[in-house]
Amino acid sequence: MHTSLHRLVIACLGVLALVALLTPPAQALPMPSKTAADQALAERESDLATLDAVLEQGEVMGILADHGFTREEVNERLAQLSPQELGSLATQVDQLQAAGQPTYVWVLIAILAVVAIVAIAG
């Protein structure tokens, strides 16, 4: 009986050692810093300015007007967007301009998609 207890203890210690070897080490991930309220507001203003510059193009407003949207309606819809949605839309505009694509077409598509989502949700 004494030897079977030793074997059981040795087997348990072997299993624990195996588990300890196979368990990946825990790693801490970087934590994003908190943004200040004025920084979020500045980013929102910057994103709105980017989108406003695109909306200033006559072709974009002409196509929006063809779909029945006035400038005030577009501004109201943009004001309803969350900071993340607004930032995403402004980033897409910047990426399209950097890629050399005709921005007014893609921006119009993005704005119409956002307007449609807000209209359906609201």
PDB file of N, CA and C in Angstrom:
ATOM      1  N   MET A   1       0.832  -1.184   0.000  1.00  0.00           N
ATOM      2  CA  MET A   1       0.000   0.000   0.000  1.00  0.00           C
ATOM      3  C   MET A   1       0.871   1.239   0.000  1.00  0.00           C
ATOM      4  N   HIS A   2       1.983   1.143   0.689  1.00  0.00           N
ATOM      5  CA  HIS A   2       2.893   2.266   0.802  1.00  0.00           C
ATOM      6  C   HIS A   2       3.493   2.633  -0.555  1.00  0.00           C
ATOM      7  N   THR A   3       3.826   1.671  -1.381  1.00  0.00           N
ATOM      8  CA  THR A   3       4.415   1.930  -2.690  1.00  0.00           C
ATOM      9  C   THR A   3       3.378   2.458  -3.681  1.00  0.00           C
ATOM     10  N   SER A   4       2.142   2.033  -3.540  1.00  0.00           N
ATOM     11  CA  SER A   4       1.112   2.548  -4.443  1.00  0.00           C
ATOM     12  C   SER A   4       0.820   4.019  -4.152  1.00  0.00           C
ATOM     13  N   LEU A   5       0.935   4.410  -2.885  1.00  0.00           N
ATOM     14  CA  LEU A   5       0.758   5.819  -2.527  1.00  0.00           C
ATOM     15  C   LEU A   5       1.893   6.656  -3.094  1.00  0.00           C
ATOM     16  N   HIS A   6       3.110   6.131  -3.061  1.00  0.00           N
ATOM     17  CA  HIS A   6       4.254   6.835  -3.645  1.00  0.00           C
ATOM     18  C   HIS A   6       4.076   6.991  -5.153  1.00  0.00           C
ATOM     19  N   ARG A   7       3.616   5.954  -5.783  1.00  0.00           N
ATOM     20  CA  ARG A   7       3.388   6.008  -7.232  1.00  0.00           C
ATOM     21  C   ARG A   7       2.311   7.027  -7.582  1.00  0.00           C
ATOM     22  N   LEU A   8       1.255   7.082  -6.760  1.00  0.00           N
ATOM     23  CA  LEU A   8       0.181   8.048  -6.995  1.00  0.00           C
ATOM     24  C   LEU A   8       0.690   9.476  -6.823  1.00  0.00           C
ATOM     25  N   VAL A   9       1.482   9.713  -5.796  1.00  0.00           N
ATOM     26  CA  VAL A   9       2.041  11.051  -5.560  1.00  0.00           C
ATOM     27  C   VAL A   9       2.992  11.425  -6.689  1.00  0.00           C
ATOM     28  N   ILE A  10       3.819  10.516  -7.122  1.00  0.00           N
ATOM     29  CA  ILE A  10       4.760  10.788  -8.212  1.00  0.00           C
ATOM     30  C   ILE A  10       4.006  11.042  -9.517  1.00  0.00           C
ATOM     31  N   ALA A  11       2.942  10.277  -9.763  1.00  0.00           N
ATOM     32  CA  ALA A  11       2.138  10.478 -10.972  1.00  0.00           C
ATOM     33  C   ALA A  11       1.467  11.849 -10.953  1.00  0.00           C
ATOM     34  N   CYS A  12       0.932  12.237  -9.802  1.00  0.00           N
ATOM     35  CA  CYS A  12       0.283  13.560  -9.689  1.00  0.00           C
ATOM     36  C   CYS A  12       1.297  14.677  -9.894  1.00  0.00           C
ATOM     37  N   LEU A  13       2.476  14.522  -9.303  1.00  0.00           N
ATOM     38  CA  LEU A  13       3.517  15.531  -9.491  1.00  0.00           C
ATOM     39  C   LEU A  13       3.965  15.592 -10.951  1.00  0.00           C
ATOM     40  N   GLY A  14       4.025  14.454 -11.613  1.00  0.00           N
ATOM     41  CA  GLY A  14       4.371  14.426 -13.033  1.00  0.00           C
ATOM     42  C   GLY A  14       3.338  15.136 -13.882  1.00  0.00           C
ATOM     43  N   VAL A  15       2.057  14.908 -13.576  1.00  0.00           N
ATOM     44  CA  VAL A  15       0.982  15.580 -14.317  1.00  0.00           C
ATOM     45  C   VAL A  15       1.035  17.082 -14.073  1.00  0.00           C
ATOM     46  N   LEU A  16       1.242  17.498 -12.837  1.00  0.00           N
ATOM     47  CA  LEU A  16       1.337  18.930 -12.533  1.00  0.00           C
ATOM     48  C   LEU A  16       2.522  19.567 -13.240  1.00  0.00           C
ATOM     49  N   ALA A  17       3.650  18.874 -13.283  1.00  0.00           N
ATOM     50  CA  ALA A  17       4.820  19.404 -13.983  1.00  0.00           C
ATOM     51  C   ALA A  17       4.551  19.517 -15.475  1.00  0.00           C
ATOM     52  N   LEU A  18       3.867  18.537 -16.038  1.00  0.00           N
ATOM     53  CA  LEU A  18       3.527  18.569 -17.462  1.00  0.00           C
ATOM     54  C   LEU A  18       2.581  19.728 -17.774  1.00  0.00           C
ATOM     55  N   VAL A  19       1.591  19.920 -16.920  1.00  0.00           N
ATOM     56  CA  VAL A  19       0.649  21.035 -17.103  1.00  0.00           C
ATOM     57  C   VAL A  19       1.379  22.367 -16.994  1.00  0.00           C
ATOM     58  N   ALA A  20       2.292  22.467 -16.048  1.00  0.00           N
ATOM     59  CA  ALA A  20       3.054  23.711 -15.861  1.00  0.00           C
ATOM     60  C   ALA A  20       3.922  24.003 -17.078  1.00  0.00           C
ATOM     61  N   LEU A  21       4.467  22.961 -17.702  1.00  0.00           N
ATOM     62  CA  LEU A  21       5.302  23.169 -18.878  1.00  0.00           C
ATOM     63  C   LEU A  21       4.495  23.531 -20.116  1.00  0.00           C
ATOM     64  N   LEU A  22       3.300  22.994 -20.225  1.00  0.00           N
ATOM     65  CA  LEU A  22       2.479  23.221 -21.419  1.00  0.00           C
ATOM     66  C   LEU A  22       1.641  24.495 -21.359  1.00  0.00           C
ATOM     67  N   THR A  23       1.482  25.067 -20.194  1.00  0.00           N
ATOM     68  CA  THR A  23       0.686  26.288 -20.046  1.00  0.00           C
ATOM     69  C   THR A  23       1.494  27.472 -20.554  1.00  0.00           C
ATOM     70  N   PRO A  24       0.924  28.251 -21.492  1.00  0.00           N
ATOM     71  CA  PRO A  24       1.666  29.410 -21.994  1.00  0.00           C
ATOM     72  C   PRO A  24       1.793  30.481 -20.900  1.00  0.00           C
ATOM     73  N   PRO A  25       2.877  31.210 -20.916  1.00  0.00           N
ATOM     74  CA  PRO A  25       3.045  32.255 -19.897  1.00  0.00           C
ATOM     75  C   PRO A  25       2.052  33.398 -20.126  1.00  0.00           C
ATOM     76  N   ALA A  26       1.618  33.988 -19.052  1.00  0.00           N
ATOM     77  CA  ALA A  26       0.709  35.126 -19.140  1.00  0.00           C
ATOM     78  C   ALA A  26       1.495  36.364 -19.535  1.00  0.00           C
ATOM     79  N   GLN A  27       0.933  37.134 -20.454  1.00  0.00           N
ATOM     80  CA  GLN A  27       1.607  38.350 -20.893  1.00  0.00           C
ATOM     81  C   GLN A  27       0.660  39.529 -20.746  1.00  0.00           C
ATOM     82  N   ALA A  28       1.184  40.609 -20.291  1.00  0.00           N
ATOM     83  CA  ALA A  28       0.392  41.821 -20.165  1.00  0.00           C
ATOM     84  C   ALA A  28       0.343  42.516 -21.516  1.00  0.00           C
ATOM     85  N   LEU A  29      -0.821  43.020 -21.860  1.00  0.00           N
ATOM     86  CA  LEU A  29      -0.986  43.762 -23.101  1.00  0.00           C
ATOM     87  C   LEU A  29      -0.957  45.254 -22.811  1.00  0.00           C
ATOM     88  N   PRO A  30      -0.526  46.049 -23.768  1.00  0.00           N
ATOM     89  CA  PRO A  30      -0.517  47.494 -23.526  1.00  0.00           C
ATOM     90  C   PRO A  30      -1.941  48.022 -23.364  1.00  0.00           C
ATOM     91  N   MET A  31      -2.096  48.952 -22.478  1.00  0.00           N
ATOM     92  CA  MET A  31      -3.398  49.551 -22.204  1.00  0.00           C
ATOM     93  C   MET A  31      -3.451  50.912 -22.879  1.00  0.00           C
ATOM     94  N   PRO A  32      -4.495  51.159 -23.684  1.00  0.00           N
ATOM     95  CA  PRO A  32      -4.563  52.479 -24.316  1.00  0.00           C
ATOM     96  C   PRO A  32      -4.778  53.566 -23.268  1.00  0.00           C
ATOM     97  N   SER A  33      -4.181  54.698 -23.523  1.00  0.00           N
ATOM     98  CA  SER A  33      -4.335  55.802 -22.589  1.00  0.00           C
ATOM     99  C   SER A  33      -5.713  56.420 -22.771  1.00  0.00           C
ATOM    100  N   LYS A  34      -6.186  57.015 -21.715  1.00  0.00           N
ATOM    101  CA  LYS A  34      -7.486  57.675 -21.781  1.00  0.00           C
ATOM    102  C   LYS A  34      -7.333  58.983 -22.538  1.00  0.00           C
ATOM    103  N   THR A  35      -8.286  59.251 -23.403  1.00  0.00           N
ATOM    104  CA  THR A  35      -8.234  60.511 -24.129  1.00  0.00           C
ATOM    105  C   THR A  35      -8.949  61.577 -23.326  1.00  0.00           C
ATOM    106  N   ALA A  36      -8.444  62.751 -23.424  1.00  0.00           N
ATOM    107  CA  ALA A  36      -9.082  63.875 -22.754  1.00  0.00           C
ATOM    108  C   ALA A  36     -10.348  64.251 -23.510  1.00  0.00           C
ATOM    109  N   ALA A  37     -11.290  64.855 -22.813  1.00  0.00           N
ATOM    110  CA  ALA A  37     -12.553  65.227 -23.435  1.00  0.00           C
ATOM    111  C   ALA A  37     -12.327  66.233 -24.559  1.00  0.00           C
ATOM    112  N   ASP A  38     -11.402  67.169 -24.366  1.00  0.00           N
ATOM    113  CA  ASP A  38     -11.154  68.166 -25.401  1.00  0.00           C
ATOM    114  C   ASP A  38     -10.457  67.549 -26.610  1.00  0.00           C
ATOM    115  N   GLN A  39      -9.699  66.463 -26.397  1.00  0.00           N
ATOM    116  CA  GLN A  39      -9.063  65.779 -27.522  1.00  0.00           C
ATOM    117  C   GLN A  39     -10.124  65.104 -28.391  1.00  0.00           C
ATOM    118  N   ALA A  40     -11.109  64.453 -27.774  1.00  0.00           N
ATOM    119  CA  ALA A  40     -12.186  63.813 -28.529  1.00  0.00           C
ATOM    120  C   ALA A  40     -12.988  64.864 -29.282  1.00  0.00           C
ATOM    121  N   LEU A  41     -13.212  66.012 -28.661  1.00  0.00           N
ATOM    122  CA  LEU A  41     -13.946  67.092 -29.315  1.00  0.00           C
ATOM    123  C   LEU A  41     -13.145  67.650 -30.481  1.00  0.00           C
ATOM    124  N   ALA A  42     -11.840  67.779 -30.312  1.00  0.00           N
ATOM    125  CA  ALA A  42     -10.989  68.273 -31.395  1.00  0.00           C
ATOM    126  C   ALA A  42     -10.962  67.292 -32.560  1.00  0.00           C
ATOM    127  N   GLU A  43     -10.935  65.995 -32.254  1.00  0.00           N
ATOM    128  CA  GLU A  43     -10.970  64.990 -33.312  1.00  0.00           C
ATOM    129  C   GLU A  43     -12.291  65.043 -34.061  1.00  0.00           C
ATOM    130  N   ARG A  44     -13.391  65.228 -33.338  1.00  0.00           N
ATOM    131  CA  ARG A  44     -14.708  65.317 -33.973  1.00  0.00           C
ATOM    132  C   ARG A  44     -14.768  66.530 -34.893  1.00  0.00           C
ATOM    133  N   GLU A  45     -14.250  67.658 -34.422  1.00  0.00           N
ATOM    134  CA  GLU A  45     -14.240  68.866 -35.244  1.00  0.00           C
ATOM    135  C   GLU A  45     -13.380  68.671 -36.486  1.00  0.00           C
ATOM    136  N   SER A  46     -12.256  67.999 -36.322  1.00  0.00           N
ATOM    137  CA  SER A  46     -11.382  67.727 -37.462  1.00  0.00           C
ATOM    138  C   SER A  46     -12.070  66.820 -38.475  1.00  0.00           C
ATOM    139  N   ASP A  47     -12.759  65.786 -37.989  1.00  0.00           N
ATOM    140  CA  ASP A  47     -13.478  64.880 -38.885  1.00  0.00           C
ATOM    141  C   ASP A  47     -14.607  65.608 -39.614  1.00  0.00           C
ATOM    142  N   LEU A  48     -15.325  66.459 -38.894  1.00  0.00           N
ATOM    143  CA  LEU A  48     -16.395  67.234 -39.534  1.00  0.00           C
ATOM    144  C   LEU A  48     -15.836  68.190 -40.574  1.00  0.00           C
ATOM    145  N   ALA A  49     -14.676  68.779 -40.301  1.00  0.00           N
ATOM    146  CA  ALA A  49     -14.061  69.685 -41.267  1.00  0.00           C
ATOM    147  C   ALA A  49     -13.643  68.928 -42.524  1.00  0.00           C
ATOM    148  N   THR A  50     -13.132  67.710 -42.354  1.00  0.00           N
ATOM    149  CA  THR A  50     -12.748  66.885 -43.501  1.00  0.00           C
ATOM    150  C   THR A  50     -13.961  66.575 -44.364  1.00  0.00           C
ATOM    151  N   LEU A  51     -15.042  66.169 -43.715  1.00  0.00           N
ATOM    152  CA  LEU A  51     -16.257  65.842 -44.466  1.00  0.00           C
ATOM    153  C   LEU A  51     -16.888  67.087 -45.072  1.00  0.00           C
ATOM    154  N   ASP A  52     -16.790  68.213 -44.374  1.00  0.00           N
ATOM    155  CA  ASP A  52     -17.335  69.465 -44.896  1.00  0.00           C
ATOM    156  C   ASP A  52     -16.607  69.889 -46.162  1.00  0.00           C
ATOM    157  N   ALA A  53     -15.293  69.670 -46.185  1.00  0.00           N
ATOM    158  CA  ALA A  53     -14.519  70.016 -47.377  1.00  0.00           C
ATOM    159  C   ALA A  53     -14.963  69.182 -48.576  1.00  0.00           C
ATOM    160  N   VAL A  54     -15.292  67.928 -48.341  1.00  0.00           N
ATOM    161  CA  VAL A  54     -15.776  67.071 -49.431  1.00  0.00           C
ATOM    162  C   VAL A  54     -17.168  67.502 -49.865  1.00  0.00           C
ATOM    163  N   LEU A  55     -17.995  67.873 -48.907  1.00  0.00           N
ATOM    164  CA  LEU A  55     -19.361  68.290 -49.243  1.00  0.00           C
ATOM    165  C   LEU A  55     -19.387  69.623 -49.982  1.00  0.00           C
ATOM    166  N   GLU A  56     -18.314  70.400 -49.863  1.00  0.00           N
ATOM    167  CA  GLU A  56     -18.232  71.679 -50.569  1.00  0.00           C
ATOM    168  C   GLU A  56     -18.116  71.476 -52.077  1.00  0.00           C
ATOM    169  N   GLN A  57     -17.705  70.294 -52.493  1.00  0.00           N
ATOM    170  CA  GLN A  57     -17.590  70.031 -53.927  1.00  0.00           C
ATOM    171  C   GLN A  57     -18.991  70.016 -54.534  1.00  0.00           C
ATOM    172  N   GLY A  58     -19.149  70.752 -55.603  1.00  0.00           N
ATOM    173  CA  GLY A  58     -20.460  70.890 -56.232  1.00  0.00           C
ATOM    174  C   GLY A  58     -21.027  69.572 -56.721  1.00  0.00           C
ATOM    175  N   GLU A  59     -20.167  68.687 -57.183  1.00  0.00           N
ATOM    176  CA  GLU A  59     -20.645  67.408 -57.701  1.00  0.00           C
ATOM    177  C   GLU A  59     -21.270  66.565 -56.602  1.00  0.00           C
ATOM    178  N   VAL A  60     -20.659  66.580 -55.428  1.00  0.00           N
ATOM    179  CA  VAL A  60     -21.169  65.785 -54.316  1.00  0.00           C
ATOM    180  C   VAL A  60     -22.535  66.298 -53.901  1.00  0.00           C
ATOM    181  N   MET A  61     -22.655  67.598 -53.702  1.00  0.00           N
ATOM    182  CA  MET A  61     -23.948  68.153 -53.291  1.00  0.00           C
ATOM    183  C   MET A  61     -24.991  67.997 -54.395  1.00  0.00           C
ATOM    184  N   GLY A  62     -24.552  68.050 -55.646  1.00  0.00           N
ATOM    185  CA  GLY A  62     -25.493  67.851 -56.754  1.00  0.00           C
ATOM    186  C   GLY A  62     -26.089  66.456 -56.733  1.00  0.00           C
ATOM    187  N   ILE A  63     -25.250  65.463 -56.478  1.00  0.00           N
ATOM    188  CA  ILE A  63     -25.741  64.087 -56.429  1.00  0.00           C
ATOM    189  C   ILE A  63     -26.622  63.877 -55.202  1.00  0.00           C
ATOM    190  N   LEU A  64     -26.232  64.463 -54.076  1.00  0.00           N
ATOM    191  CA  LEU A  64     -27.077  64.363 -52.882  1.00  0.00           C
ATOM    192  C   LEU A  64     -28.426  65.040 -53.113  1.00  0.00           C
ATOM    193  N   ALA A  65     -28.410  66.188 -53.795  1.00  0.00           N
ATOM    194  CA  ALA A  65     -29.660  66.879 -54.103  1.00  0.00           C
ATOM    195  C   ALA A  65     -30.523  66.037 -55.041  1.00  0.00           C
ATOM    196  N   ASP A  66     -29.899  65.329 -55.980  1.00  0.00           N
ATOM    197  CA  ASP A  66     -30.650  64.442 -56.864  1.00  0.00           C
ATOM    198  C   ASP A  66     -31.349  63.336 -56.082  1.00  0.00           C
ATOM    199  N   HIS A  67     -30.766  62.945 -54.946  1.00  0.00           N
ATOM    200  CA  HIS A  67     -31.381  61.925 -54.103  1.00  0.00           C
ATOM    201  C   HIS A  67     -32.320  62.535 -53.060  1.00  0.00           C
ATOM    202  N   GLY A  68     -32.529  63.836 -53.107  1.00  0.00           N
ATOM    203  CA  GLY A  68     -33.496  64.491 -52.232  1.00  0.00           C
ATOM    204  C   GLY A  68     -32.949  64.979 -50.909  1.00  0.00           C
ATOM    205  N   PHE A  69     -31.635  65.128 -50.784  1.00  0.00           N
ATOM    206  CA  PHE A  69     -31.044  65.595 -49.532  1.00  0.00           C
ATOM    207  C   PHE A  69     -30.554  67.025 -49.681  1.00  0.00           C
ATOM    208  N   THR A  70     -30.900  67.852 -48.706  1.00  0.00           N
ATOM    209  CA  THR A  70     -30.368  69.210 -48.663  1.00  0.00           C
ATOM    210  C   THR A  70     -29.107  69.206 -47.806  1.00  0.00           C
ATOM    211  N   ARG A  71     -28.368  70.295 -47.861  1.00  0.00           N
ATOM    212  CA  ARG A  71     -27.138  70.404 -47.065  1.00  0.00           C
ATOM    213  C   ARG A  71     -27.453  70.339 -45.577  1.00  0.00           C
ATOM    214  N   GLU A  72     -28.563  70.930 -45.166  1.00  0.00           N
ATOM    215  CA  GLU A  72     -28.945  70.912 -43.758  1.00  0.00           C
ATOM    216  C   GLU A  72     -29.260  69.489 -43.292  1.00  0.00           C
ATOM    217  N   GLU A  73     -29.947  68.718 -44.140  1.00  0.00           N
ATOM    218  CA  GLU A  73     -30.263  67.338 -43.780  1.00  0.00           C
ATOM    219  C   GLU A  73     -28.995  66.498 -43.636  1.00  0.00           C
ATOM    220  N   VAL A  74     -28.050  66.702 -44.538  1.00  0.00           N
ATOM    221  CA  VAL A  74     -26.787  65.967 -44.468  1.00  0.00           C
ATOM    222  C   VAL A  74     -26.038  66.351 -43.197  1.00  0.00           C
ATOM    223  N   ASN A  75     -26.002  67.639 -42.874  1.00  0.00           N
ATOM    224  CA  ASN A  75     -25.327  68.081 -41.652  1.00  0.00           C
ATOM    225  C   ASN A  75     -25.996  67.505 -40.405  1.00  0.00           C
ATOM    226  N   GLU A  76     -27.337  67.434 -40.411  1.00  0.00           N
ATOM    227  CA  GLU A  76     -28.049  66.851 -39.271  1.00  0.00           C
ATOM    228  C   GLU A  76     -27.710  65.378 -39.122  1.00  0.00           C
ATOM    229  N   ARG A  77     -27.656  64.666 -40.242  1.00  0.00           N
ATOM    230  CA  ARG A  77     -27.330  63.233 -40.199  1.00  0.00           C
ATOM    231  C   ARG A  77     -25.898  63.026 -39.718  1.00  0.00           C
ATOM    232  N   LEU A  78     -24.976  63.865 -40.169  1.00  0.00           N
ATOM    233  CA  LEU A  78     -23.585  63.740 -39.722  1.00  0.00           C
ATOM    234  C   LEU A  78     -23.469  64.047 -38.227  1.00  0.00           C
ATOM    235  N   ALA A  79     -24.282  64.979 -37.732  1.00  0.00           N
ATOM    236  CA  ALA A  79     -24.244  65.324 -36.310  1.00  0.00           C
ATOM    237  C   ALA A  79     -24.748  64.171 -35.446  1.00  0.00           C
ATOM    238  N   GLN A  80     -25.575  63.290 -36.014  1.00  0.00           N
ATOM    239  CA  GLN A  80     -26.113  62.164 -35.257  1.00  0.00           C
ATOM    240  C   GLN A  80     -25.129  60.999 -35.150  1.00  0.00           C
ATOM    241  N   LEU A  81     -24.051  61.034 -35.922  1.00  0.00           N
ATOM    242  CA  LEU A  81     -23.102  59.931 -35.915  1.00  0.00           C
ATOM    243  C   LEU A  81     -22.294  59.911 -34.625  1.00  0.00           C
ATOM    244  N   SER A  82     -21.939  58.722 -34.199  1.00  0.00           N
ATOM    245  CA  SER A  82     -21.068  58.589 -33.026  1.00  0.00           C
ATOM    246  C   SER A  82     -19.654  59.021 -33.423  1.00  0.00           C
ATOM    247  N   PRO A  83     -18.812  59.326 -32.450  1.00  0.00           N
ATOM    248  CA  PRO A  83     -17.434  59.717 -32.781  1.00  0.00           C
ATOM    249  C   PRO A  83     -16.689  58.642 -33.577  1.00  0.00           C
ATOM    250  N   GLN A  84     -16.947  57.372 -33.285  1.00  0.00           N
ATOM    251  CA  GLN A  84     -16.290  56.296 -34.004  1.00  0.00           C
ATOM    252  C   GLN A  84     -16.751  56.252 -35.466  1.00  0.00           C
ATOM    253  N   GLU A  85     -18.049  56.398 -35.695  1.00  0.00           N
ATOM    254  CA  GLU A  85     -18.574  56.377 -37.058  1.00  0.00           C
ATOM    255  C   GLU A  85     -18.064  57.575 -37.857  1.00  0.00           C
ATOM    256  N   LEU A  86     -18.045  58.723 -37.212  1.00  0.00           N
ATOM    257  CA  LEU A  86     -17.579  59.928 -37.878  1.00  0.00           C
ATOM    258  C   LEU A  86     -16.096  59.813 -38.216  1.00  0.00           C
ATOM    259  N   GLY A  87     -15.306  59.299 -37.288  1.00  0.00           N
ATOM    260  CA  GLY A  87     -13.886  59.101 -37.541  1.00  0.00           C
ATOM    261  C   GLY A  87     -13.638  58.104 -38.652  1.00  0.00           C
ATOM    262  N   SER A  88     -14.432  57.043 -38.681  1.00  0.00           N
ATOM    263  CA  SER A  88     -14.292  56.032 -39.732  1.00  0.00           C
ATOM    264  C   SER A  88     -14.609  56.619 -41.099  1.00  0.00           C
ATOM    265  N   LEU A  89     -15.656  57.406 -41.175  1.00  0.00           N
ATOM    266  CA  LEU A  89     -16.037  58.034 -42.445  1.00  0.00           C
ATOM    267  C   LEU A  89     -14.964  59.016 -42.913  1.00  0.00           C
ATOM    268  N   ALA A  90     -14.445  59.819 -42.001  1.00  0.00           N
ATOM    269  CA  ALA A  90     -13.397  60.779 -42.365  1.00  0.00           C
ATOM    270  C   ALA A  90     -12.115  60.054 -42.775  1.00  0.00           C
ATOM    271  N   THR A  91     -11.795  58.956 -42.116  1.00  0.00           N
ATOM    272  CA  THR A  91     -10.616  58.180 -42.474  1.00  0.00           C
ATOM    273  C   THR A  91     -10.767  57.583 -43.862  1.00  0.00           C
ATOM    274  N   GLN A  92     -11.966  57.115 -44.182  1.00  0.00           N
ATOM    275  CA  GLN A  92     -12.208  56.554 -45.512  1.00  0.00           C
ATOM    276  C   GLN A  92     -12.037  57.620 -46.582  1.00  0.00           C
ATOM    277  N   VAL A  93     -12.463  58.836 -46.286  1.00  0.00           N
ATOM    278  CA  VAL A  93     -12.295  59.931 -47.240  1.00  0.00           C
ATOM    279  C   VAL A  93     -10.814  60.205 -47.456  1.00  0.00           C
ATOM    280  N   ASP A  94     -10.049  60.255 -46.369  1.00  0.00           N
ATOM    281  CA  ASP A  94      -8.608  60.503 -46.474  1.00  0.00           C
ATOM    282  C   ASP A  94      -7.913  59.392 -47.248  1.00  0.00           C
ATOM    283  N   GLN A  95      -8.305  58.153 -47.017  1.00  0.00           N
ATOM    284  CA  GLN A  95      -7.695  57.031 -47.721  1.00  0.00           C
ATOM    285  C   GLN A  95      -8.018  57.070 -49.205  1.00  0.00           C
ATOM    286  N   LEU A  96      -9.233  57.463 -49.531  1.00  0.00           N
ATOM    287  CA  LEU A  96      -9.617  57.543 -50.937  1.00  0.00           C
ATOM    288  C   LEU A  96      -8.839  58.639 -51.640  1.00  0.00           C
ATOM    289  N   GLN A  97      -8.634  59.769 -50.977  1.00  0.00           N
ATOM    290  CA  GLN A  97      -7.868  60.846 -51.585  1.00  0.00           C
ATOM    291  C   GLN A  97      -6.415  60.432 -51.765  1.00  0.00           C
ATOM    292  N   ALA A  98      -5.869  59.694 -50.804  1.00  0.00           N
ATOM    293  CA  ALA A  98      -4.485  59.255 -50.895  1.00  0.00           C
ATOM    294  C   ALA A  98      -4.309  58.220 -52.006  1.00  0.00           C
ATOM    295  N   ALA A  99      -5.339  57.438 -52.262  1.00  0.00           N
ATOM    296  CA  ALA A  99      -5.248  56.403 -53.289  1.00  0.00           C
ATOM    297  C   ALA A  99      -5.448  56.969 -54.688  1.00  0.00           C
ATOM    298  N   GLY A 100      -5.871  58.201 -54.796  1.00  0.00           N
ATOM    299  CA  GLY A 100      -6.043  58.822 -56.091  1.00  0.00           C
ATOM    300  C   GLY A 100      -7.364  58.495 -56.759  1.00  0.00           C
ATOM    301  N   GLN A 101      -8.284  57.958 -56.029  1.00  0.00           N
ATOM    302  CA  GLN A 101      -9.607  57.656 -56.575  1.00  0.00           C
ATOM    303  C   GLN A 101     -10.424  58.951 -56.635  1.00  0.00           C
ATOM    304  N   PRO A 102     -11.410  58.999 -57.522  1.00  0.00           N
ATOM    305  CA  PRO A 102     -12.294  60.166 -57.504  1.00  0.00           C
ATOM    306  C   PRO A 102     -13.100  60.158 -56.202  1.00  0.00           C
ATOM    307  N   THR A 103     -12.733  61.050 -55.315  1.00  0.00           N
ATOM    308  CA  THR A 103     -13.268  60.999 -53.957  1.00  0.00           C
ATOM    309  C   THR A 103     -14.762  61.253 -53.891  1.00  0.00           C
ATOM    310  N   TYR A 104     -15.273  62.091 -54.748  1.00  0.00           N
ATOM    311  CA  TYR A 104     -16.675  62.445 -54.600  1.00  0.00           C
ATOM    312  C   TYR A 104     -17.581  61.247 -54.792  1.00  0.00           C
ATOM    313  N   VAL A 105     -17.200  60.312 -55.615  1.00  0.00           N
ATOM    314  CA  VAL A 105     -18.043  59.131 -55.837  1.00  0.00           C
ATOM    315  C   VAL A 105     -18.061  58.259 -54.592  1.00  0.00           C
ATOM    316  N   TRP A 106     -16.883  57.974 -54.048  1.00  0.00           N
ATOM    317  CA  TRP A 106     -16.808  57.095 -52.892  1.00  0.00           C
ATOM    318  C   TRP A 106     -17.336  57.777 -51.639  1.00  0.00           C
ATOM    319  N   VAL A 107     -17.082  59.045 -51.511  1.00  0.00           N
ATOM    320  CA  VAL A 107     -17.616  59.781 -50.359  1.00  0.00           C
ATOM    321  C   VAL A 107     -19.130  59.820 -50.444  1.00  0.00           C
ATOM    322  N   LEU A 108     -19.640  60.028 -51.618  1.00  0.00           N
ATOM    323  CA  LEU A 108     -21.087  60.042 -51.786  1.00  0.00           C
ATOM    324  C   LEU A 108     -21.682  58.693 -51.404  1.00  0.00           C
ATOM    325  N   ILE A 109     -21.042  57.625 -51.845  1.00  0.00           N
ATOM    326  CA  ILE A 109     -21.525  56.296 -51.493  1.00  0.00           C
ATOM    327  C   ILE A 109     -21.479  56.090 -49.982  1.00  0.00           C
ATOM    328  N   ALA A 110     -20.379  56.514 -49.355  1.00  0.00           N
ATOM    329  CA  ALA A 110     -20.245  56.369 -47.907  1.00  0.00           C
ATOM    330  C   ALA A 110     -21.282  57.211 -47.170  1.00  0.00           C
ATOM    331  N   ILE A 111     -21.485  58.444 -47.623  1.00  0.00           N
ATOM    332  CA  ILE A 111     -22.460  59.322 -46.966  1.00  0.00           C
ATOM    333  C   ILE A 111     -23.874  58.777 -47.153  1.00  0.00           C
ATOM    334  N   LEU A 112     -24.183  58.300 -48.351  1.00  0.00           N
ATOM    335  CA  LEU A 112     -25.509  57.713 -48.573  1.00  0.00           C
ATOM    336  C   LEU A 112     -25.719  56.475 -47.714  1.00  0.00           C
ATOM    337  N   ALA A 113     -24.671  55.681 -47.543  1.00  0.00           N
ATOM    338  CA  ALA A 113     -24.790  54.492 -46.695  1.00  0.00           C
ATOM    339  C   ALA A 113     -25.041  54.895 -45.250  1.00  0.00           C
ATOM    340  N   VAL A 114     -24.314  55.903 -44.764  1.00  0.00           N
ATOM    341  CA  VAL A 114     -24.506  56.372 -43.386  1.00  0.00           C
ATOM    342  C   VAL A 114     -25.896  56.973 -43.223  1.00  0.00           C
ATOM    343  N   VAL A 115     -26.340  57.758 -44.192  1.00  0.00           N
ATOM    344  CA  VAL A 115     -27.669  58.364 -44.122  1.00  0.00           C
ATOM    345  C   VAL A 115     -28.733  57.271 -44.105  1.00  0.00           C
ATOM    346  N   ALA A 116     -28.557  56.241 -44.921  1.00  0.00           N
ATOM    347  CA  ALA A 116     -29.516  55.145 -44.958  1.00  0.00           C
ATOM    348  C   ALA A 116     -29.539  54.406 -43.620  1.00  0.00           C
ATOM    349  N   ILE A 117     -28.363  54.178 -43.040  1.00  0.00           N
ATOM    350  CA  ILE A 117     -28.306  53.472 -41.748  1.00  0.00           C
ATOM    351  C   ILE A 117     -28.970  54.296 -40.659  1.00  0.00           C
ATOM    352  N   VAL A 118     -28.700  55.592 -40.646  1.00  0.00           N
ATOM    353  CA  VAL A 118     -29.314  56.458 -39.630  1.00  0.00           C
ATOM    354  C   VAL A 118     -30.811  56.541 -39.848  1.00  0.00           C
ATOM    355  N   ALA A 119     -31.263  56.596 -41.109  1.00  0.00           N
ATOM    356  CA  ALA A 119     -32.694  56.668 -41.382  1.00  0.00           C
ATOM    357  C   ALA A 119     -33.398  55.391 -40.948  1.00  0.00           C
ATOM    358  N   ILE A 120     -32.766  54.264 -41.176  1.00  0.00           N
ATOM    359  CA  ILE A 120     -33.376  52.992 -40.778  1.00  0.00           C
ATOM    360  C   ILE A 120     -33.376  52.847 -39.271  1.00  0.00           C
ATOM    361  N   ALA A 121     -32.268  53.223 -38.640  1.00  0.00           N
ATOM    362  CA  ALA A 121     -32.173  53.089 -37.181  1.00  0.00           C
ATOM    363  C   ALA A 121     -33.026  54.115 -36.451  1.00  0.00           C
ATOM    364  N   GLY A 122     -33.204  55.276 -37.034  1.00  0.00           N
ATOM    365  CA  GLY A 122     -33.924  56.346 -36.326  1.00  0.00           C
ATOM    366  C   GLY A 122     -35.281  56.462 -36.750  1.00  0.00           C
TER     367      GLY A 122
END
